[in-house]
Amino acid sequence: MTTEPTPYQLFGGADFFSNLVHAFYLKVATDEVLRPMYPEGDLGPAEDRLRMFLEQYWGGPKTYGELRGHPRLRMRHADFHIDSTARDRWLVHMHAALEEQDIPFELGQELWEYLASAAFAMQNVDDDLPSTQATPHD
C-alpha cells in the first residue's frame, strides 16, 4: 500500500519552507510598513513561527501546534494594525520569496492561492474608516 505524499513533501519539506520563510523575512526586515509590527529586535522568532505554521498546515511536522496550540491566526494578529497597505506589502514580499523558490508552477500556484487568501483574512482594519476611527474587526 502506497501513501500519497503530503503537500509538505511535494514542496520540498523542511528545506523548502525554511528557504521560503527566510527569503520572506529578509524582505520584511527592510520594509517600513511591516518591520514595526514585529516587536522583537530579531525577526528570528517570527520567522520560526511562520515556518512551523506553514509546515504543519501543509502536512509536515506538528511542531507549531505542540509549542503554540491552535493557530488562531485572527486572534494572534488582532493587536496589529493590518490594513490593505500592510496586507499588500506582506503579499509583495511573500510573492517575491515564493518566486525565488524552485518548485513546479502548479505547486507554487496552490501555495500562493492559500497565502493570498490568508493575507486577506488577516486584514483587520477597514480602509473605509479614517485612521483615527479604525478599529480591529472581530
Protein backbone atom coordinates (compact mmCIF):
# COMPACT_ATOMS: atom_id res chain seq x y z
CA MET A 1 0.00 0.00 0.00
CA THR A 2 1.45 3.34 -1.04
CA THR A 3 0.58 6.58 0.55
CA GLU A 4 0.29 9.80 -1.37
CA PRO A 5 2.97 12.33 -0.48
CA THR A 6 1.78 15.30 1.54
CA PRO A 7 1.95 18.79 0.06
CA TYR A 8 4.76 19.39 2.58
CA GLN A 9 6.78 16.62 0.94
CA LEU A 10 5.88 17.73 -2.59
CA PHE A 11 7.02 21.29 -1.87
CA GLY A 12 10.38 20.01 -0.68
CA GLY A 13 9.93 19.55 3.06
CA ALA A 14 11.83 21.45 5.72
CA ASP A 15 14.38 22.92 3.30
CA PHE A 16 11.68 24.47 1.11
CA PHE A 17 9.77 26.07 3.98
CA SER A 18 12.96 27.30 5.67
CA ASN A 19 14.16 28.89 2.44
CA LEU A 20 10.77 30.43 1.63
CA VAL A 21 10.24 31.96 5.05
CA HIS A 22 13.83 33.15 5.36
CA ALA A 23 13.63 34.87 1.96
CA PHE A 24 10.38 36.50 3.07
CA TYR A 25 11.79 37.84 6.34
CA LEU A 26 14.87 39.25 4.62
CA LYS A 27 12.43 41.49 2.75
CA VAL A 28 10.31 42.29 5.81
CA ALA A 29 13.44 43.42 7.67
CA THR A 30 13.73 46.47 5.42
CA ASP A 31 10.04 47.23 4.90
CA GLU A 32 8.94 50.48 6.57
CA VAL A 33 5.32 49.31 6.89
CA LEU A 34 5.82 45.74 8.12
CA ARG A 35 9.02 45.88 10.19
CA PRO A 36 7.49 47.98 13.01
CA MET A 37 4.85 45.27 13.54
CA TYR A 38 7.49 42.88 14.86
CA PRO A 39 8.33 43.78 18.46
CA GLU A 40 11.37 41.53 18.67
CA GLY A 41 14.68 43.14 17.81
CA ASP A 42 15.45 39.95 15.94
CA LEU A 43 12.99 38.60 13.37
CA GLY A 44 14.18 35.05 14.08
CA PRO A 45 11.31 34.11 16.43
CA ALA A 46 8.69 35.36 13.95
CA GLU A 47 10.47 33.51 11.16
CA ASP A 48 10.39 30.30 13.21
CA ARG A 49 6.69 30.68 13.97
CA LEU A 50 5.68 31.24 10.35
CA ARG A 51 7.86 28.37 9.14
CA MET A 52 6.43 25.97 11.72
CA PHE A 53 2.87 27.09 10.96
CA LEU A 54 3.27 26.60 7.20
CA GLU A 55 4.97 23.24 7.67
CA GLN A 56 2.13 22.00 9.86
CA TYR A 57 -0.60 23.44 7.62
CA TRP A 58 0.80 21.63 4.58
CA GLY A 59 1.17 18.25 6.27
CA GLY A 60 4.60 18.43 7.85
CA PRO A 61 5.71 18.26 11.47
CA LYS A 62 3.16 19.29 14.10
CA THR A 63 5.71 21.39 15.97
CA TYR A 64 3.68 24.59 15.73
CA GLY A 65 0.68 23.02 17.47
CA GLU A 66 2.85 21.32 20.08
CA LEU A 67 4.55 24.58 21.01
CA ARG A 68 1.80 27.15 20.46
CA GLY A 69 -1.52 25.31 20.37
CA HIS A 70 -4.24 26.05 17.84
CA PRO A 71 -3.09 28.66 15.30
CA ARG A 72 -5.99 31.13 15.92
CA LEU A 73 -4.47 33.40 13.30
CA ARG A 74 -7.04 36.19 13.52
CA MET A 75 -6.74 36.33 17.30
CA ARG A 76 -2.94 36.28 17.25
CA HIS A 77 -2.88 39.19 14.79
CA ALA A 78 -5.67 41.24 16.38
CA ASP A 79 -3.29 43.66 18.13
CA PHE A 80 -1.62 44.65 14.87
CA HIS A 81 -2.97 47.37 12.56
CA ILE A 82 -3.36 45.38 9.34
CA ASP A 83 -4.93 47.48 6.63
CA SER A 84 -4.79 46.89 2.89
CA THR A 85 -1.39 48.59 2.69
CA ALA A 86 0.15 46.19 5.24
CA ARG A 87 -1.64 43.24 3.64
CA ASP A 88 -0.37 44.16 0.19
CA ARG A 89 3.21 44.71 1.41
CA TRP A 90 3.08 41.23 3.01
CA LEU A 91 1.85 39.80 -0.29
CA VAL A 92 4.53 41.57 -2.35
CA HIS A 93 7.31 40.17 -0.18
CA MET A 94 5.80 36.69 0.06
CA HIS A 95 5.27 36.55 -3.70
CA ALA A 96 8.89 37.58 -4.30
CA ALA A 97 10.10 34.97 -1.80
CA LEU A 98 7.97 32.30 -3.48
CA GLU A 99 9.30 33.28 -6.91
CA GLU A 100 12.83 32.64 -5.61
CA GLN A 101 11.99 29.01 -4.80
CA ASP A 102 12.44 26.15 -7.23
CA ILE A 103 9.09 24.36 -7.27
CA PRO A 104 6.73 23.31 -10.05
CA PHE A 105 4.32 26.02 -11.19
CA GLU A 106 1.21 24.11 -10.06
CA LEU A 107 2.53 23.72 -6.53
CA GLY A 108 3.58 27.34 -6.39
CA GLN A 109 0.13 28.38 -7.57
CA GLU A 110 -1.57 26.25 -4.89
CA LEU A 111 0.61 27.73 -2.17
CA TRP A 112 0.15 31.27 -3.49
CA GLU A 113 -3.64 30.95 -3.52
CA TYR A 114 -3.56 29.90 0.14
CA LEU A 115 -1.15 32.68 1.12
CA ALA A 116 -3.20 35.34 -0.66
CA SER A 117 -6.40 34.11 0.96
CA ALA A 118 -4.77 34.09 4.38
CA ALA A 119 -3.39 37.61 3.89
CA PHE A 120 -6.83 38.96 3.04
CA ALA A 121 -8.28 37.17 6.08
CA MET A 122 -5.72 38.84 8.37
CA GLN A 123 -6.73 42.37 7.37
CA ASN A 124 -8.39 43.75 10.49
CA VAL A 125 -8.70 47.45 9.71
CA ASP A 126 -11.36 48.67 7.31
CA ASP A 127 -9.80 51.01 4.77
CA ASP A 128 -13.04 53.00 4.56
CA LEU A 129 -12.61 54.34 8.10
CA PRO A 130 -10.41 57.35 8.85
CA SER A 131 -7.29 56.18 10.68
CA THR A 132 -8.47 57.75 13.96
CA GLN A 133 -11.63 55.62 13.81
CA ALA A 134 -10.08 52.39 12.53
CA THR A 135 -10.62 49.50 14.89
CA PRO A 136 -9.93 45.78 14.58
CA HIS A 137 -12.80 43.59 13.45
CA ASP A 138 -13.95 40.59 15.48
